[in-house]
Amino acid sequence: MKKGRVLWCLILCVFVLLVARIDLVSAGDKAEIRYGAQYYPGEFVLKGYPQLWEKYGLKAEHILFSSGGENNQALISGRADVNCGSDSKTVGLFNILGDKALIIGTIQKGDRYSTVVRVNSKYKTWYDLKGKTVGTRLGTGAEQVLRRYFDEEKDLSWKDFNWVNLKLEDMIAALQGGAIEAFTAWEPTCAIAEAQGIGRILRTYGDISLVPVSLHTTVKYANEHRSEIVKFLAVHLDKAELIKNDPNRAAELAAKAAGEKGYNVSADAFKRVFKRIDFSIEINDDIIKAIENTGQFLYSKQKIKKIPTLKYDKSFLEEAKRLQQSTNQ
C-alpha cells in the first residue's frame, strides 16, 4: 500500500515537472508586444485578421479588456506594453504616470458616440425629449460628451431629463420596451440598434469633441523596443486601410471575431460603424488639443484634481508608414 502511494507521488511529481517544462517552453516563445485593447470595432477586425501580425513578423498578445480603467491599470502595472484608451482615459493615465507615459498614435475619433431613439418615434432633437426618461452609462465618455453638449446648448441642461444608469447590453432592450425614450452610447451599440430596425440616430457628437482613442506606451518601453512599436503601428495602419478601402470585408471579419467572443454583432452593424467613425492612424495638433480640452472640461467639473501635460512622439508612426509602404510594394 505504501509502495503504491510512493509510486503515485513520484508520477505526480514527474507530471508537475512536465507541466512546468511546457510552461517554460511556451514562455520562451512569448509575445514581443502585449497589447491591452478594448471592445472597440477596429479591435474585432484585428482579432478576425491575425495574419496582419504575421505579415510584419510580430508576435503580439492581443488582450481585450472590458473597461478603460482596467486597461490603464494593465499598462501601469506592466501587464501590457501598449494600450488604447479614450480621451478621458488618456488624461487619467497621464495624471498617474506623468512624463513616463507616451502617446504614439490614435486609432479612432469623431462620431464615436450617438444618441438613439426608437425608429418610429417623432423625436428630432434633444428639445423634443425634455422631461422624458433617457438612458446612458454614467461615469463614461458618453456622459462626458452629453454634458459638454448641454453646456453649449441654450435652454438645455442635464436636469431637463430623467436619467437612468444602464449597462450597455441593456440599452437596446430598454429602448424597444419603452422603459426609456432614448439612450446615448458608444459604437457598436448604436449601429446594432439601427441594424436591428429598433433605433435611429438622433445625433452624433463628433462636432462637440473628437473623443480620440489613443495608443499609449511608457517612455521606457518605447526607448527599449522601437522596432516592435514600429511593426505594431504598421499593423494598425493596414487595419485602418482595410476598413477604409474594403469596409465589407472588414465588417465580415469583425462580425466573425465578435461571434467567436460570444457577441452577436452583425456585419451590417460593423459596416455602419466603419462608415461613421474615422479610423485613420495619426497624431496631429487637433487630436492633442481635443485631449487637452477634455482634461480642462474634467477639471472644471471637479472630476480630476489637475490637468496633466501630455507627451507624444510622432516619429514611431512616421517610421511605421515607411515600413508599411516598403512591405506592401
C-alpha atoms as a PDB file:
ATOM      1  CA  MET A   1       0.000   0.000   0.000  1.00  0.00           C
ATOM      2  CA  LYS A   2       2.791   2.365   0.988  1.00  0.00           C
ATOM      3  CA  LYS A   3       4.735   1.458  -2.164  1.00  0.00           C
ATOM      4  CA  GLY A   4       1.670   2.320  -4.243  1.00  0.00           C
ATOM      5  CA  ARG A   5       1.385   5.728  -2.631  1.00  0.00           C
ATOM      6  CA  VAL A   6       5.093   6.389  -3.152  1.00  0.00           C
ATOM      7  CA  LEU A   7       4.772   5.404  -6.820  1.00  0.00           C
ATOM      8  CA  TRP A   8       1.727   7.672  -7.238  1.00  0.00           C
ATOM      9  CA  CYS A   9       3.595  10.602  -5.638  1.00  0.00           C
ATOM     10  CA  LEU A  10       6.541  10.033  -7.990  1.00  0.00           C
ATOM     11  CA  ILE A  11       4.219  10.020 -11.009  1.00  0.00           C
ATOM     12  CA  LEU A  12       2.525  13.199  -9.773  1.00  0.00           C
ATOM     13  CA  CYS A  13       5.874  14.940  -9.294  1.00  0.00           C
ATOM     14  CA  VAL A  14       7.008  13.978 -12.799  1.00  0.00           C
ATOM     15  CA  PHE A  15       3.704  15.298 -14.205  1.00  0.00           C
ATOM     16  CA  VAL A  16       4.112  18.632 -12.368  1.00  0.00           C
ATOM     17  CA  LEU A  17       7.659  18.960 -13.679  1.00  0.00           C
ATOM     18  CA  LEU A  18       6.477  18.225 -17.214  1.00  0.00           C
ATOM     19  CA  VAL A  19       3.758  20.860 -16.959  1.00  0.00           C
ATOM     20  CA  ALA A  20       6.283  23.357 -15.617  1.00  0.00           C
ATOM     21  CA  ARG A  21       8.569  22.476 -18.513  1.00  0.00           C
ATOM     22  CA  ILE A  22       5.749  23.038 -21.003  1.00  0.00           C
ATOM     23  CA  ASP A  23       5.069  26.449 -19.428  1.00  0.00           C
ATOM     24  CA  LEU A  24       8.750  27.334 -19.690  1.00  0.00           C
ATOM     25  CA  VAL A  25       8.839  26.308 -23.347  1.00  0.00           C
ATOM     26  CA  SER A  26       5.750  28.419 -24.015  1.00  0.00           C
ATOM     27  CA  ALA A  27       7.310  31.349 -22.186  1.00  0.00           C
ATOM     28  CA  GLY A  28      10.343  31.034 -24.438  1.00  0.00           C
ATOM     29  CA  ASP A  29       8.016  31.782 -27.373  1.00  0.00           C
ATOM     30  CA  LYS A  30       6.410  34.677 -25.570  1.00  0.00           C
ATOM     31  CA  ALA A  31       4.876  37.741 -27.191  1.00  0.00           C
ATOM     32  CA  GLU A  32       7.172  40.537 -28.290  1.00  0.00           C
ATOM     33  CA  ILE A  33       4.480  43.073 -27.522  1.00  0.00           C
ATOM     34  CA  ARG A  34       1.478  42.807 -25.192  1.00  0.00           C
ATOM     35  CA  TYR A  35      -1.370  44.996 -26.392  1.00  0.00           C
ATOM     36  CA  GLY A  36      -4.139  45.957 -23.985  1.00  0.00           C
ATOM     37  CA  ALA A  37      -7.140  46.789 -26.143  1.00  0.00           C
ATOM     38  CA  GLN A  38     -10.862  47.186 -25.545  1.00  0.00           C
ATOM     39  CA  TYR A  39     -14.055  46.074 -27.240  1.00  0.00           C
ATOM     40  CA  TYR A  40     -13.752  48.697 -29.963  1.00  0.00           C
ATOM     41  CA  PRO A  41     -14.938  47.914 -33.515  1.00  0.00           C
ATOM     42  CA  GLY A  42     -11.464  48.088 -35.030  1.00  0.00           C
ATOM     43  CA  GLU A  43     -10.104  45.631 -32.485  1.00  0.00           C
ATOM     44  CA  PHE A  44     -12.516  42.982 -33.725  1.00  0.00           C
ATOM     45  CA  VAL A  45     -11.037  43.437 -37.209  1.00  0.00           C
ATOM     46  CA  LEU A  46      -7.604  42.674 -35.759  1.00  0.00           C
ATOM     47  CA  LYS A  47      -8.998  39.668 -33.890  1.00  0.00           C
ATOM     48  CA  GLY A  48     -10.515  38.403 -37.115  1.00  0.00           C
ATOM     49  CA  TYR A  49      -7.386  39.032 -39.177  1.00  0.00           C
ATOM     50  CA  PRO A  50      -4.383  37.789 -37.150  1.00  0.00           C
ATOM     51  CA  GLN A  51      -2.398  37.447 -40.384  1.00  0.00           C
ATOM     52  CA  LEU A  52      -1.632  41.166 -40.091  1.00  0.00           C
ATOM     53  CA  TRP A  53       0.626  40.461 -37.102  1.00  0.00           C
ATOM     54  CA  GLU A  54       2.320  37.653 -39.042  1.00  0.00           C
ATOM     55  CA  LYS A  55       2.820  39.902 -42.054  1.00  0.00           C
ATOM     56  CA  TYR A  56       5.176  42.121 -40.074  1.00  0.00           C
ATOM     57  CA  GLY A  57       6.745  39.250 -38.156  1.00  0.00           C
ATOM     58  CA  LEU A  58       5.405  40.449 -34.829  1.00  0.00           C
ATOM     59  CA  LYS A  59       4.397  38.115 -32.006  1.00  0.00           C
ATOM     60  CA  ALA A  60       1.622  40.010 -30.250  1.00  0.00           C
ATOM     61  CA  GLU A  61      -0.606  39.198 -27.315  1.00  0.00           C
ATOM     62  CA  HIS A  62      -3.860  40.978 -28.145  1.00  0.00           C
ATOM     63  CA  ILE A  63      -5.824  41.341 -24.899  1.00  0.00           C
ATOM     64  CA  LEU A  64      -9.371  42.747 -24.826  1.00  0.00           C
ATOM     65  CA  PHE A  65     -10.286  44.454 -21.555  1.00  0.00           C
ATOM     66  CA  SER A  66     -13.872  45.282 -20.644  1.00  0.00           C
ATOM     67  CA  SER A  67     -13.116  48.794 -19.362  1.00  0.00           C
ATOM     68  CA  GLY A  68     -10.676  51.622 -19.916  1.00  0.00           C
ATOM     69  CA  GLY A  69      -9.790  51.744 -16.239  1.00  0.00           C
ATOM     70  CA  GLU A  70      -8.809  48.084 -16.258  1.00  0.00           C
ATOM     71  CA  ASN A  71      -6.834  48.647 -19.441  1.00  0.00           C
ATOM     72  CA  ASN A  72      -4.921  51.598 -17.960  1.00  0.00           C
ATOM     73  CA  GLN A  73      -4.112  49.560 -14.888  1.00  0.00           C
ATOM     74  CA  ALA A  74      -2.627  46.864 -17.132  1.00  0.00           C
ATOM     75  CA  LEU A  75      -0.194  49.380 -18.630  1.00  0.00           C
ATOM     76  CA  ILE A  76       0.621  50.947 -15.263  1.00  0.00           C
ATOM     77  CA  SER A  77       1.289  47.563 -13.646  1.00  0.00           C
ATOM     78  CA  GLY A  78       3.330  46.238 -16.563  1.00  0.00           C
ATOM     79  CA  ARG A  79       0.742  43.655 -17.648  1.00  0.00           C
ATOM     80  CA  ALA A  80       0.591  45.414 -21.041  1.00  0.00           C
ATOM     81  CA  ASP A  81       3.316  47.133 -23.049  1.00  0.00           C
ATOM     82  CA  VAL A  82       0.926  49.248 -25.115  1.00  0.00           C
ATOM     83  CA  ASN A  83      -2.726  50.042 -24.560  1.00  0.00           C
ATOM     84  CA  CYS A  84      -5.504  52.097 -26.062  1.00  0.00           C
ATOM     85  CA  GLY A  85      -7.968  54.408 -24.389  1.00  0.00           C
ATOM     86  CA  SER A  86     -10.386  57.264 -24.991  1.00  0.00           C
ATOM     87  CA  ASP A  87      -9.520  60.888 -24.290  1.00  0.00           C
ATOM     88  CA  SER A  88     -10.668  60.775 -20.652  1.00  0.00           C
ATOM     89  CA  LYS A  89      -8.601  57.621 -20.071  1.00  0.00           C
ATOM     90  CA  THR A  90      -5.586  59.296 -21.691  1.00  0.00           C
ATOM     91  CA  VAL A  91      -5.985  62.152 -19.214  1.00  0.00           C
ATOM     92  CA  GLY A  92      -6.267  59.682 -16.337  1.00  0.00           C
ATOM     93  CA  LEU A  93      -3.195  57.750 -17.455  1.00  0.00           C
ATOM     94  CA  PHE A  94      -1.027  60.866 -17.655  1.00  0.00           C
ATOM     95  CA  ASN A  95      -2.268  62.039 -14.277  1.00  0.00           C
ATOM     96  CA  ILE A  96      -0.848  58.817 -12.823  1.00  0.00           C
ATOM     97  CA  LEU A  97       2.287  58.207 -14.908  1.00  0.00           C
ATOM     98  CA  GLY A  98       3.141  61.807 -15.786  1.00  0.00           C
ATOM     99  CA  ASP A  99       6.097  62.131 -18.159  1.00  0.00           C
ATOM    100  CA  LYS A 100       6.636  58.363 -18.041  1.00  0.00           C
ATOM    101  CA  ALA A 101       3.648  57.895 -20.385  1.00  0.00           C
ATOM    102  CA  LEU A 102       3.751  58.435 -24.139  1.00  0.00           C
ATOM    103  CA  ILE A 103       1.151  58.750 -26.928  1.00  0.00           C
ATOM    104  CA  ILE A 104       2.274  57.007 -30.137  1.00  0.00           C
ATOM    105  CA  GLY A 105      -0.878  57.157 -32.245  1.00  0.00           C
ATOM    106  CA  THR A 106      -4.666  57.454 -32.388  1.00  0.00           C
ATOM    107  CA  ILE A 107      -6.861  54.644 -33.706  1.00  0.00           C
ATOM    108  CA  GLN A 108     -10.321  56.242 -33.906  1.00  0.00           C
ATOM    109  CA  LYS A 109     -12.041  59.572 -33.459  1.00  0.00           C
ATOM    110  CA  GLY A 110     -15.076  61.593 -34.466  1.00  0.00           C
ATOM    111  CA  ASP A 111     -18.656  60.297 -34.238  1.00  0.00           C
ATOM    112  CA  ARG A 112     -17.929  57.576 -31.694  1.00  0.00           C
ATOM    113  CA  TYR A 113     -20.959  58.439 -29.533  1.00  0.00           C
ATOM    114  CA  SER A 114     -24.564  58.762 -30.618  1.00  0.00           C
ATOM    115  CA  THR A 115     -27.996  59.295 -29.131  1.00  0.00           C
ATOM    116  CA  VAL A 116     -30.518  56.734 -30.346  1.00  0.00           C
ATOM    117  CA  VAL A 117     -34.325  56.956 -30.305  1.00  0.00           C
ATOM    118  CA  ARG A 118     -36.925  54.418 -31.431  1.00  0.00           C
ATOM    119  CA  VAL A 119     -37.040  54.114 -35.191  1.00  0.00           C
ATOM    120  CA  ASN A 120     -40.712  55.173 -35.393  1.00  0.00           C
ATOM    121  CA  SER A 121     -40.558  57.979 -32.803  1.00  0.00           C
ATOM    122  CA  LYS A 122     -41.230  61.634 -33.640  1.00  0.00           C
ATOM    123  CA  TYR A 123     -38.243  62.977 -31.710  1.00  0.00           C
ATOM    124  CA  LYS A 124     -35.920  65.108 -33.838  1.00  0.00           C
ATOM    125  CA  THR A 125     -33.820  66.982 -31.257  1.00  0.00           C
ATOM    126  CA  TRP A 126     -32.980  66.869 -27.566  1.00  0.00           C
ATOM    127  CA  TYR A 127     -35.524  69.665 -27.063  1.00  0.00           C
ATOM    128  CA  ASP A 128     -38.260  67.181 -28.009  1.00  0.00           C
ATOM    129  CA  LEU A 129     -37.037  64.880 -25.229  1.00  0.00           C
ATOM    130  CA  LYS A 130     -37.346  67.397 -22.385  1.00  0.00           C
ATOM    131  CA  GLY A 131     -38.957  65.793 -19.344  1.00  0.00           C
ATOM    132  CA  LYS A 132     -38.542  62.287 -20.787  1.00  0.00           C
ATOM    133  CA  THR A 133     -36.724  59.284 -19.319  1.00  0.00           C
ATOM    134  CA  VAL A 134     -33.443  58.685 -21.117  1.00  0.00           C
ATOM    135  CA  GLY A 135     -30.513  56.379 -20.503  1.00  0.00           C
ATOM    136  CA  THR A 136     -26.735  56.308 -20.653  1.00  0.00           C
ATOM    137  CA  ARG A 137     -23.858  54.718 -18.786  1.00  0.00           C
ATOM    138  CA  LEU A 138     -22.929  57.219 -16.097  1.00  0.00           C
ATOM    139  CA  GLY A 139     -19.246  57.849 -15.446  1.00  0.00           C
ATOM    140  CA  THR A 140     -18.242  57.085 -19.041  1.00  0.00           C
ATOM    141  CA  GLY A 141     -17.303  59.101 -22.108  1.00  0.00           C
ATOM    142  CA  ALA A 142     -20.969  59.052 -23.090  1.00  0.00           C
ATOM    143  CA  GLU A 143     -21.887  61.114 -20.039  1.00  0.00           C
ATOM    144  CA  GLN A 144     -18.971  63.427 -20.736  1.00  0.00           C
ATOM    145  CA  VAL A 145     -19.991  64.266 -24.327  1.00  0.00           C
ATOM    146  CA  LEU A 146     -23.587  64.778 -23.224  1.00  0.00           C
ATOM    147  CA  ARG A 147     -22.604  67.243 -20.510  1.00  0.00           C
ATOM    148  CA  ARG A 148     -20.363  69.085 -22.947  1.00  0.00           C
ATOM    149  CA  TYR A 149     -23.214  69.232 -25.449  1.00  0.00           C
ATOM    150  CA  PHE A 150     -25.659  70.599 -22.874  1.00  0.00           C
ATOM    151  CA  ASP A 151     -23.097  73.211 -21.821  1.00  0.00           C
ATOM    152  CA  GLU A 152     -23.087  74.534 -25.385  1.00  0.00           C
ATOM    153  CA  GLU A 153     -26.845  74.463 -25.949  1.00  0.00           C
ATOM    154  CA  LYS A 154     -29.165  77.233 -24.816  1.00  0.00           C
ATOM    155  CA  ASP A 155     -32.219  76.229 -22.782  1.00  0.00           C
ATOM    156  CA  LEU A 156     -30.951  72.663 -22.285  1.00  0.00           C
ATOM    157  CA  SER A 157     -29.440  71.185 -19.164  1.00  0.00           C
ATOM    158  CA  TRP A 158     -28.789  67.799 -17.600  1.00  0.00           C
ATOM    159  CA  LYS A 159     -31.670  68.406 -15.176  1.00  0.00           C
ATOM    160  CA  ASP A 160     -34.202  68.632 -18.012  1.00  0.00           C
ATOM    161  CA  PHE A 161     -34.279  64.834 -18.285  1.00  0.00           C
ATOM    162  CA  ASN A 162     -34.928  61.801 -16.106  1.00  0.00           C
ATOM    163  CA  TRP A 163     -31.704  59.804 -16.261  1.00  0.00           C
ATOM    164  CA  VAL A 164     -31.369  56.039 -15.973  1.00  0.00           C
ATOM    165  CA  ASN A 165     -27.941  54.489 -15.493  1.00  0.00           C
ATOM    166  CA  LEU A 166     -27.920  51.494 -17.851  1.00  0.00           C
ATOM    167  CA  LYS A 167     -25.459  48.793 -18.752  1.00  0.00           C
ATOM    168  CA  LEU A 168     -24.510  48.898 -22.386  1.00  0.00           C
ATOM    169  CA  GLU A 169     -26.015  45.490 -23.077  1.00  0.00           C
ATOM    170  CA  ASP A 170     -29.412  46.564 -21.664  1.00  0.00           C
ATOM    171  CA  MET A 171     -29.878  49.778 -23.648  1.00  0.00           C
ATOM    172  CA  ILE A 172     -31.441  48.436 -26.830  1.00  0.00           C
ATOM    173  CA  ALA A 173     -33.981  46.294 -24.977  1.00  0.00           C
ATOM    174  CA  ALA A 174     -34.877  49.219 -22.689  1.00  0.00           C
ATOM    175  CA  LEU A 175     -35.481  51.420 -25.742  1.00  0.00           C
ATOM    176  CA  GLN A 176     -37.511  48.785 -27.564  1.00  0.00           C
ATOM    177  CA  GLY A 177     -39.598  48.025 -24.489  1.00  0.00           C
ATOM    178  CA  GLY A 178     -40.418  51.672 -23.820  1.00  0.00           C
ATOM    179  CA  ALA A 179     -38.576  51.947 -20.488  1.00  0.00           C
ATOM    180  CA  ILE A 180     -36.600  54.844 -21.989  1.00  0.00           C
ATOM    181  CA  GLU A 181     -37.181  57.200 -24.893  1.00  0.00           C
ATOM    182  CA  ALA A 182     -33.521  57.461 -25.905  1.00  0.00           C
ATOM    183  CA  PHE A 183     -30.065  56.248 -24.990  1.00  0.00           C
ATOM    184  CA  THR A 184     -26.589  57.614 -25.575  1.00  0.00           C
ATOM    185  CA  ALA A 185     -23.750  55.161 -26.036  1.00  0.00           C
ATOM    186  CA  TRP A 186     -20.631  54.368 -27.999  1.00  0.00           C
ATOM    187  CA  GLU A 187     -20.297  52.113 -31.002  1.00  0.00           C
ATOM    188  CA  PRO A 188     -21.165  49.492 -31.964  1.00  0.00           C
ATOM    189  CA  THR A 189     -24.255  49.563 -29.684  1.00  0.00           C
ATOM    190  CA  CYS A 190     -25.862  52.378 -31.666  1.00  0.00           C
ATOM    191  CA  ALA A 191     -25.230  50.688 -35.001  1.00  0.00           C
ATOM    192  CA  ILE A 192     -26.624  47.409 -33.643  1.00  0.00           C
ATOM    193  CA  ALA A 193     -29.875  49.182 -32.739  1.00  0.00           C
ATOM    194  CA  GLU A 194     -30.018  50.588 -36.274  1.00  0.00           C
ATOM    195  CA  ALA A 195     -29.211  47.288 -37.969  1.00  0.00           C
ATOM    196  CA  GLN A 196     -31.904  45.503 -35.934  1.00  0.00           C
ATOM    197  CA  GLY A 197     -34.509  48.061 -37.027  1.00  0.00           C
ATOM    198  CA  ILE A 198     -35.111  49.189 -33.440  1.00  0.00           C
ATOM    199  CA  GLY A 199     -33.439  52.588 -33.305  1.00  0.00           C
ATOM    200  CA  ARG A 200     -32.334  55.541 -35.374  1.00  0.00           C
ATOM    201  CA  ILE A 201     -29.656  58.131 -34.696  1.00  0.00           C
ATOM    202  CA  LEU A 202     -30.929  61.390 -33.205  1.00  0.00           C
ATOM    203  CA  ARG A 203     -27.476  62.990 -33.281  1.00  0.00           C
ATOM    204  CA  THR A 204     -23.779  62.202 -33.104  1.00  0.00           C
ATOM    205  CA  TYR A 205     -21.172  64.181 -31.143  1.00  0.00           C
ATOM    206  CA  GLY A 206     -18.065  64.479 -33.278  1.00  0.00           C
ATOM    207  CA  ASP A 207     -18.829  68.189 -33.581  1.00  0.00           C
ATOM    208  CA  ILE A 208     -18.731  68.523 -29.791  1.00  0.00           C
ATOM    209  CA  SER A 209     -15.485  66.613 -29.294  1.00  0.00           C
ATOM    210  CA  LEU A 210     -13.282  64.353 -31.390  1.00  0.00           C
ATOM    211  CA  VAL A 211     -13.052  61.994 -28.375  1.00  0.00           C
ATOM    212  CA  PRO A 212      -9.944  60.321 -29.820  1.00  0.00           C
ATOM    213  CA  VAL A 213      -8.885  56.836 -28.773  1.00  0.00           C
ATOM    214  CA  SER A 214      -5.108  56.922 -28.432  1.00  0.00           C
ATOM    215  CA  LEU A 215      -2.361  54.325 -28.287  1.00  0.00           C
ATOM    216  CA  HIS A 216      -0.203  54.696 -25.180  1.00  0.00           C
ATOM    217  CA  THR A 217       3.018  53.141 -24.005  1.00  0.00           C
ATOM    218  CA  THR A 218       5.700  54.006 -21.475  1.00  0.00           C
ATOM    219  CA  VAL A 219       8.785  56.001 -22.337  1.00  0.00           C
ATOM    220  CA  LYS A 220      10.910  53.136 -21.027  1.00  0.00           C
ATOM    221  CA  TYR A 221       9.274  50.567 -23.294  1.00  0.00           C
ATOM    222  CA  ALA A 222       9.443  52.931 -26.276  1.00  0.00           C
ATOM    223  CA  ASN A 223      13.156  53.527 -25.776  1.00  0.00           C
ATOM    224  CA  GLU A 224      13.901  49.822 -25.479  1.00  0.00           C
ATOM    225  CA  HIS A 225      11.508  48.392 -28.104  1.00  0.00           C
ATOM    226  CA  ARG A 226      11.382  50.798 -31.011  1.00  0.00           C
ATOM    227  CA  SER A 227      11.274  48.051 -33.670  1.00  0.00           C
ATOM    228  CA  GLU A 228       8.320  46.305 -32.008  1.00  0.00           C
ATOM    229  CA  ILE A 229       6.339  49.546 -31.747  1.00  0.00           C
ATOM    230  CA  VAL A 230       7.001  50.428 -35.391  1.00  0.00           C
ATOM    231  CA  LYS A 231       5.760  46.994 -36.528  1.00  0.00           C
ATOM    232  CA  PHE A 232       2.778  47.295 -34.179  1.00  0.00           C
ATOM    233  CA  LEU A 233       1.789  50.636 -35.705  1.00  0.00           C
ATOM    234  CA  ALA A 234       2.245  49.265 -39.233  1.00  0.00           C
ATOM    235  CA  VAL A 235      -0.327  46.581 -38.370  1.00  0.00           C
ATOM    236  CA  HIS A 236      -2.777  49.290 -37.278  1.00  0.00           C
ATOM    237  CA  LEU A 237      -2.118  51.249 -40.480  1.00  0.00           C
ATOM    238  CA  ASP A 238      -3.002  48.153 -42.536  1.00  0.00           C
ATOM    239  CA  LYS A 239      -6.133  47.628 -40.427  1.00  0.00           C
ATOM    240  CA  ALA A 240      -7.219  51.252 -40.989  1.00  0.00           C
ATOM    241  CA  GLU A 241      -6.680  50.939 -44.746  1.00  0.00           C
ATOM    242  CA  LEU A 242      -8.758  47.752 -44.845  1.00  0.00           C
ATOM    243  CA  ILE A 243     -11.620  49.482 -43.019  1.00  0.00           C
ATOM    244  CA  LYS A 244     -11.468  52.446 -45.396  1.00  0.00           C
ATOM    245  CA  ASN A 245     -10.929  50.624 -48.685  1.00  0.00           C
ATOM    246  CA  ASP A 246     -12.919  47.430 -48.102  1.00  0.00           C
ATOM    247  CA  PRO A 247     -15.464  48.040 -45.311  1.00  0.00           C
ATOM    248  CA  ASN A 248     -17.499  44.999 -46.364  1.00  0.00           C
ATOM    249  CA  ARG A 249     -14.615  42.610 -45.794  1.00  0.00           C
ATOM    250  CA  ALA A 250     -13.594  44.400 -42.594  1.00  0.00           C
ATOM    251  CA  ALA A 251     -17.169  44.103 -41.333  1.00  0.00           C
ATOM    252  CA  GLU A 252     -17.311  40.373 -42.096  1.00  0.00           C
ATOM    253  CA  LEU A 253     -14.007  39.773 -40.286  1.00  0.00           C
ATOM    254  CA  ALA A 254     -15.148  41.814 -37.285  1.00  0.00           C
ATOM    255  CA  ALA A 255     -18.549  40.093 -37.086  1.00  0.00           C
ATOM    256  CA  LYS A 256     -16.926  36.640 -37.190  1.00  0.00           C
ATOM    257  CA  ALA A 257     -14.429  37.593 -34.460  1.00  0.00           C
ATOM    258  CA  ALA A 258     -17.174  39.095 -32.303  1.00  0.00           C
ATOM    259  CA  GLY A 259     -19.240  35.928 -32.672  1.00  0.00           C
ATOM    260  CA  GLU A 260     -16.295  33.817 -31.537  1.00  0.00           C
ATOM    261  CA  LYS A 261     -16.129  36.003 -28.422  1.00  0.00           C
ATOM    262  CA  GLY A 262     -19.818  35.450 -27.756  1.00  0.00           C
ATOM    263  CA  TYR A 263     -21.060  38.817 -29.060  1.00  0.00           C
ATOM    264  CA  ASN A 264     -23.876  38.947 -31.606  1.00  0.00           C
ATOM    265  CA  VAL A 265     -22.892  41.902 -33.783  1.00  0.00           C
ATOM    266  CA  SER A 266     -23.859  41.673 -37.439  1.00  0.00           C
ATOM    267  CA  ALA A 267     -21.640  42.625 -40.346  1.00  0.00           C
ATOM    268  CA  ASP A 268     -24.271  45.246 -41.197  1.00  0.00           C
ATOM    269  CA  ALA A 269     -23.765  46.906 -37.809  1.00  0.00           C
ATOM    270  CA  PHE A 270     -19.979  46.926 -38.181  1.00  0.00           C
ATOM    271  CA  LYS A 271     -20.269  48.349 -41.697  1.00  0.00           C
ATOM    272  CA  ARG A 272     -22.346  51.256 -40.367  1.00  0.00           C
ATOM    273  CA  VAL A 273     -19.688  51.924 -37.728  1.00  0.00           C
ATOM    274  CA  PHE A 274     -16.866  51.814 -40.251  1.00  0.00           C
ATOM    275  CA  LYS A 275     -18.613  54.448 -42.351  1.00  0.00           C
ATOM    276  CA  ARG A 276     -19.388  56.681 -39.353  1.00  0.00           C
ATOM    277  CA  ILE A 277     -16.107  56.799 -37.416  1.00  0.00           C
ATOM    278  CA  ASP A 278     -12.680  57.993 -38.552  1.00  0.00           C
ATOM    279  CA  PHE A 279     -10.282  55.056 -38.054  1.00  0.00           C
ATOM    280  CA  SER A 280      -7.186  56.715 -39.520  1.00  0.00           C
ATOM    281  CA  ILE A 281      -3.971  56.292 -37.513  1.00  0.00           C
ATOM    282  CA  GLU A 282      -2.371  59.657 -36.804  1.00  0.00           C
ATOM    283  CA  ILE A 283      -1.185  62.248 -34.327  1.00  0.00           C
ATOM    284  CA  ASN A 284      -1.768  65.921 -35.026  1.00  0.00           C
ATOM    285  CA  ASP A 285      -2.403  69.201 -33.234  1.00  0.00           C
ATOM    286  CA  ASP A 286      -6.195  68.830 -33.435  1.00  0.00           C
ATOM    287  CA  ILE A 287      -6.056  65.464 -31.677  1.00  0.00           C
ATOM    288  CA  ILE A 288      -3.760  66.664 -28.908  1.00  0.00           C
ATOM    289  CA  LYS A 289      -5.903  69.780 -28.461  1.00  0.00           C
ATOM    290  CA  ALA A 290      -9.039  67.624 -28.188  1.00  0.00           C
ATOM    291  CA  ILE A 291      -7.473  65.562 -25.392  1.00  0.00           C
ATOM    292  CA  GLU A 292      -6.302  68.722 -23.623  1.00  0.00           C
ATOM    293  CA  ASN A 293      -9.824  70.156 -23.897  1.00  0.00           C
ATOM    294  CA  THR A 294     -11.174  67.005 -22.282  1.00  0.00           C
ATOM    295  CA  GLY A 295      -8.717  67.476 -19.424  1.00  0.00           C
ATOM    296  CA  GLN A 296      -9.862  71.059 -18.944  1.00  0.00           C
ATOM    297  CA  PHE A 297     -13.516  70.013 -19.016  1.00  0.00           C
ATOM    298  CA  LEU A 298     -12.987  67.243 -16.452  1.00  0.00           C
ATOM    299  CA  TYR A 299     -11.083  69.665 -14.233  1.00  0.00           C
ATOM    300  CA  SER A 300     -13.860  72.266 -14.498  1.00  0.00           C
ATOM    301  CA  LYS A 301     -16.362  69.615 -13.366  1.00  0.00           C
ATOM    302  CA  GLN A 302     -14.047  68.591 -10.491  1.00  0.00           C
ATOM    303  CA  LYS A 303     -13.663  65.095 -11.941  1.00  0.00           C
ATOM    304  CA  ILE A 304      -9.858  65.342 -11.764  1.00  0.00           C
ATOM    305  CA  LYS A 305      -7.567  67.281  -9.436  1.00  0.00           C
ATOM    306  CA  LYS A 306      -5.138  68.533 -12.078  1.00  0.00           C
ATOM    307  CA  ILE A 307      -4.757  68.872 -15.832  1.00  0.00           C
ATOM    308  CA  PRO A 308      -1.830  66.731 -16.987  1.00  0.00           C
ATOM    309  CA  THR A 309       0.804  67.650 -19.547  1.00  0.00           C
ATOM    310  CA  LEU A 310       0.640  65.277 -22.495  1.00  0.00           C
ATOM    311  CA  LYS A 311       3.703  63.732 -24.085  1.00  0.00           C
ATOM    312  CA  TYR A 312       3.703  62.301 -27.597  1.00  0.00           C
ATOM    313  CA  ASP A 313       6.164  61.158 -30.251  1.00  0.00           C
ATOM    314  CA  LYS A 314       5.244  61.161 -33.953  1.00  0.00           C
ATOM    315  CA  SER A 315       8.477  59.517 -35.102  1.00  0.00           C
ATOM    316  CA  PHE A 316       7.273  55.965 -34.425  1.00  0.00           C
ATOM    317  CA  LEU A 317       4.256  56.445 -36.677  1.00  0.00           C
ATOM    318  CA  GLU A 318       6.322  58.072 -39.410  1.00  0.00           C
ATOM    319  CA  GLU A 319       8.697  55.123 -39.399  1.00  0.00           C
ATOM    320  CA  ALA A 320       5.750  52.714 -39.403  1.00  0.00           C
ATOM    321  CA  LYS A 321       4.374  54.395 -42.529  1.00  0.00           C
ATOM    322  CA  ARG A 322       7.686  53.839 -44.276  1.00  0.00           C
ATOM    323  CA  LEU A 323       7.725  50.200 -43.173  1.00  0.00           C
ATOM    324  CA  GLN A 324       4.177  49.696 -44.386  1.00  0.00           C
ATOM    325  CA  GLN A 325       4.985  51.234 -47.753  1.00  0.00           C
ATOM    326  CA  SER A 326       8.078  49.103 -48.288  1.00  0.00           C
ATOM    327  CA  THR A 327       6.293  45.937 -47.143  1.00  0.00           C
ATOM    328  CA  ASN A 328       3.286  46.470 -49.401  1.00  0.00           C
ATOM    329  CA  GLN A 329       5.261  47.250 -52.545  1.00  0.00           C
END
